[in-house]
Structures are given as C-alpha cells and as structure tokens.
Amino acid sequence: MSKDNGTRIPQPLFAIRLRALVLALGESSNPAWWKTEFMNETGLRFLERLYPRTLVRAAVHAAGRAACEAHDRAVGRVGVCHLFRLPEALEAEIHAVSSFGDEDFFSSFRTCLGRQKNLLEMLTPLCSGEKSTSTAAGPKRIGTESDVTTIEALGEAAAVYRNAFKQGKPTFPYFAAEQNKIGG
C-alpha cells in the first residue's frame, strides 16, 4: 500500500502524487476532462522557463485550478471536498512540503506524460488495493469529510479515478460533510 522502499508515503506527498497523476490523465483523456495543457512535455517546458525551481508545483497548481472547477461543477462547492479541494489543514500540509514531491517519482512521471497506460500503471500503487467497480460517470460519494484525512480514503479515490480513466467516463469522487443530528 502506497509505499516507497518499505516506508509509508506521508499523506501530503501521497495527495501531491495523486493530484499530479489525475491531472495528467485528465488532460490526456479523449475528450479531456479539463481544458489545460500543463501536464504534458510542451506545457512543462513552457513552465520551466518561467518557474525553473518550482516547475512541478506550478504545473500542478495551474492544471489543478481547472480540475477543481470541473469537480466543483460536478459535485458542488458547499458541504463537500474532493481531491482538488481538500480540508484546509491538509491543503496547508500539502503547500508546506518543501520539495513538492520527490525527484524519483516526478522523473518517472515526466517520462510517462502523454502515455495513459503508463500513467495508469503509476496510479495503481496509490489505489492501496482498492478496486472500484463503478461504471457510472459523474459524481461519486465515497465517504465523509473526516474520511478524507486518511490515506486509505485517498487510495479509494485513486481507485475510482483509475476505473474512470480506464472506462473513459469522467467520474468525480467526493467526500460529503457529516450531517448534524437534530433533536438529539
């Protein structure tokens, strides 16, 4: 499950990797899930000239904005979170990751850009053994907002995305806010 050299991947790094892979797959799908071109070699070369030290951060941020809008249109903005709109504390951890990922992962990632099969192979270990069998496109609730703070829940989202990309059906996994009990 989501391990590198026998150690568990920290949650912020796991989320960064998952975002990068979903963004690259979403851009390269036919039709594309969002209309950006930052997660391909041409887009990266363009961004590299502007942001030589923060190339990956810039690409994930730029494409992530478009992916966030696509997810928001599908699942809404109020009372839900998804891969591109995580709880504030987790977003802060993601932005605090000093190197924004590791060189080995992003070097392999860059060589796979534009190759959906290879990107899906990179996504598979993040699925933590989860097998999504959903064939429906559109929003898919996979838990509550408190669930998204676990790597297992992000692994479940990864499995939903993997299945959706394999089937060519835009699917947007999300976590709903927990309902308050009234009248206790």
Protein backbone atom coordinates (compact mmCIF):
# COMPACT_ATOMS: atom_id res chain seq x y z
CA MET A 1 0.00 0.00 0.00
CA SER A 2 1.45 3.31 -1.09
CA LYS A 3 4.99 2.52 -0.01
CA ASP A 4 8.37 3.58 -1.24
CA ASN A 5 11.28 1.38 -0.21
CA GLY A 6 9.18 -0.21 2.54
CA THR A 7 8.05 3.01 4.19
CA ARG A 8 4.61 4.58 4.10
CA ILE A 9 4.30 7.70 1.93
CA PRO A 10 3.35 10.75 4.03
CA GLN A 11 -0.21 11.91 3.36
CA PRO A 12 0.69 15.31 1.82
CA LEU A 13 3.13 13.65 -0.59
CA PHE A 14 0.53 10.96 -1.39
CA ALA A 15 -2.02 13.69 -2.22
CA ILE A 16 0.51 15.54 -4.41
CA ARG A 17 1.33 12.38 -6.38
CA LEU A 18 -2.36 11.52 -6.77
CA ARG A 19 -3.16 15.05 -7.96
CA ALA A 20 -0.32 15.02 -10.49
CA LEU A 21 -1.37 11.66 -11.95
CA VAL A 22 -5.08 12.54 -12.09
CA LEU A 23 -4.24 15.89 -13.71
CA ALA A 24 -2.06 14.26 -16.38
CA LEU A 25 -4.66 11.59 -17.08
CA GLY A 26 -7.50 14.13 -17.16
CA GLU A 27 -5.67 16.30 -19.68
CA SER A 28 -4.72 13.38 -21.90
CA SER A 29 -8.14 11.68 -21.89
CA ASN A 30 -10.22 11.81 -25.03
CA PRO A 31 -12.15 14.00 -24.56
CA ALA A 32 -10.14 15.83 -21.93
CA TRP A 33 -11.78 16.23 -18.53
CA TRP A 34 -10.49 19.83 -18.32
CA LYS A 35 -9.01 22.07 -20.96
CA THR A 36 -5.43 22.66 -19.82
CA GLU A 37 -2.13 21.59 -21.28
CA PHE A 38 0.31 21.99 -18.40
CA MET A 39 0.74 18.28 -17.67
CA ASN A 40 2.47 17.37 -20.90
CA GLU A 41 6.06 17.84 -22.05
CA THR A 42 5.32 21.03 -24.01
CA GLY A 43 3.46 22.58 -21.09
CA LEU A 44 6.22 21.63 -18.66
CA ARG A 45 8.91 23.10 -20.92
CA PHE A 46 6.92 26.35 -21.10
CA LEU A 47 6.52 26.49 -17.32
CA GLU A 48 10.17 25.53 -16.79
CA ARG A 49 11.24 28.78 -18.44
CA LEU A 50 9.03 30.79 -16.07
CA TYR A 51 9.41 28.68 -12.90
CA PRO A 52 12.68 26.74 -13.17
CA ARG A 53 12.84 25.78 -9.47
CA THR A 54 9.12 25.21 -8.90
CA LEU A 55 8.15 23.68 -12.23
CA VAL A 56 6.09 20.79 -10.83
CA ARG A 57 4.36 22.99 -8.23
CA ALA A 58 3.43 25.48 -10.97
CA ALA A 59 2.09 22.76 -13.30
CA VAL A 60 0.04 21.04 -10.59
CA HIS A 61 -1.30 24.38 -9.37
CA ALA A 62 -2.28 25.64 -12.83
CA ALA A 63 -3.90 22.42 -14.02
CA GLY A 64 -5.34 21.85 -10.54
CA ARG A 65 -7.34 25.07 -10.73
CA ALA A 66 -9.12 23.83 -13.86
CA ALA A 67 -9.64 20.37 -12.33
CA CYS A 68 -11.05 21.96 -9.18
CA GLU A 69 -13.58 23.91 -11.26
CA ALA A 70 -14.61 20.73 -13.12
CA HIS A 71 -15.07 18.88 -9.82
CA ASP A 72 -16.97 21.80 -8.27
CA ARG A 73 -19.37 21.86 -11.23
CA ALA A 74 -19.96 18.12 -10.82
CA VAL A 75 -20.25 17.82 -7.03
CA GLY A 76 -20.83 21.38 -5.79
CA ARG A 77 -18.79 23.59 -3.51
CA VAL A 78 -20.73 23.61 -0.26
CA GLY A 79 -20.52 20.71 2.17
CA VAL A 80 -18.17 18.62 0.05
CA CYS A 81 -14.47 18.18 -0.55
CA HIS A 82 -12.58 16.38 -3.28
CA LEU A 83 -9.00 15.79 -4.41
CA PHE A 84 -8.63 19.38 -5.60
CA ARG A 85 -10.46 21.00 -2.66
CA LEU A 86 -9.27 19.19 0.46
CA PRO A 87 -9.83 20.30 4.07
CA GLU A 88 -7.83 23.41 4.92
CA ALA A 89 -5.42 21.66 7.31
CA LEU A 90 -4.45 19.08 4.67
CA GLU A 91 -4.08 21.76 1.98
CA ALA A 92 -1.73 23.64 4.34
CA GLU A 93 0.35 20.48 4.80
CA ILE A 94 0.50 19.97 1.04
CA HIS A 95 1.72 23.52 0.49
CA ALA A 96 4.28 23.11 3.27
CA VAL A 97 6.00 20.15 1.60
CA SER A 98 9.36 21.76 0.91
CA SER A 99 10.42 19.89 -2.21
CA PHE A 100 6.86 19.36 -3.52
CA GLY A 101 7.40 15.72 -4.14
CA ASP A 102 10.44 13.63 -4.71
CA GLU A 103 12.72 13.60 -7.70
CA ASP A 104 12.39 9.86 -8.40
CA PHE A 105 8.60 9.97 -8.66
CA PHE A 106 8.49 13.12 -10.78
CA SER A 107 11.27 11.95 -13.06
CA SER A 108 9.30 8.75 -13.78
CA PHE A 109 6.09 10.76 -14.01
CA ARG A 110 7.57 13.11 -16.60
CA THR A 111 8.66 10.24 -18.84
CA CYS A 112 5.10 8.83 -18.73
CA LEU A 113 3.32 12.05 -19.73
CA GLY A 114 1.01 11.53 -22.69
CA ARG A 115 1.05 7.76 -22.22
CA GLN A 116 -2.20 6.86 -20.50
CA LYS A 117 -1.25 3.20 -19.95
CA ASN A 118 1.98 4.19 -18.18
CA LEU A 119 0.25 6.85 -16.08
CA LEU A 120 -2.39 4.29 -15.03
CA GLU A 121 0.42 1.92 -14.01
CA MET A 122 1.85 4.69 -11.82
CA LEU A 123 -1.61 5.32 -10.35
CA THR A 124 -2.22 1.66 -9.42
CA PRO A 125 0.06 1.56 -6.31
CA LEU A 126 -1.77 4.58 -4.91
CA CYS A 127 -5.05 2.65 -5.04
CA SER A 128 -3.95 0.68 -1.96
CA GLY A 129 -5.58 -2.49 -3.18
CA GLU A 130 -8.96 -0.83 -3.64
CA LYS A 131 -10.97 -2.00 -6.63
CA SER A 132 -13.66 0.37 -7.80
CA THR A 133 -16.28 -1.36 -9.90
CA SER A 134 -18.47 1.66 -10.53
CA THR A 135 -19.28 2.19 -14.18
CA ALA A 136 -21.31 5.37 -13.75
CA ALA A 137 -19.90 8.71 -14.83
CA GLY A 138 -20.40 11.85 -12.77
CA PRO A 139 -20.15 12.50 -9.04
CA LYS A 140 -19.44 9.53 -6.74
CA ARG A 141 -19.66 9.91 -2.97
CA ILE A 142 -17.01 7.78 -1.30
CA GLY A 143 -17.14 8.97 2.29
CA THR A 144 -17.40 11.85 4.70
CA GLU A 145 -15.17 14.86 5.14
CA SER A 146 -13.46 13.24 8.13
CA ASP A 147 -12.59 10.20 5.97
CA VAL A 148 -10.54 12.29 3.54
CA THR A 149 -7.93 12.84 6.25
CA THR A 150 -6.75 9.23 5.77
CA ILE A 151 -4.51 7.78 3.09
CA GLU A 152 -6.96 4.89 2.77
CA ALA A 153 -9.71 7.29 1.66
CA LEU A 154 -7.38 8.95 -0.84
CA GLY A 155 -6.50 5.42 -2.02
CA GLU A 156 -10.19 4.76 -2.57
CA ALA A 157 -10.45 7.98 -4.59
CA ALA A 158 -7.43 6.81 -6.62
CA ALA A 159 -9.24 3.54 -7.39
CA VAL A 160 -12.34 5.42 -8.55
CA TYR A 161 -10.22 7.63 -10.81
CA ARG A 162 -8.30 4.64 -12.19
CA ASN A 163 -11.52 2.85 -13.11
CA ALA A 164 -12.99 6.02 -14.63
CA PHE A 165 -9.94 6.66 -16.80
CA LYS A 166 -9.87 3.03 -17.95
CA GLN A 167 -13.53 3.30 -18.97
CA GLY A 168 -13.23 6.80 -20.43
CA LYS A 169 -16.03 8.14 -18.21
CA PRO A 170 -15.42 11.36 -16.25
CA THR A 171 -16.10 10.48 -12.62
CA PHE A 172 -15.63 12.81 -9.67
CA PRO A 173 -15.15 11.13 -6.28
CA TYR A 174 -16.03 13.35 -3.33
CA PHE A 175 -16.47 13.39 0.42
CA ALA A 176 -19.61 14.94 1.92
CA ALA A 177 -19.81 16.93 5.14
CA GLU A 178 -21.12 14.96 8.04
CA GLN A 179 -24.78 15.53 8.85
CA ASN A 180 -25.59 17.12 12.22
CA LYS A 181 -28.12 15.24 14.28
CA ILE A 182 -31.06 17.43 15.25
CA GLY A 183 -33.06 16.82 18.39
CA GLY A 184 -30.54 14.54 19.89
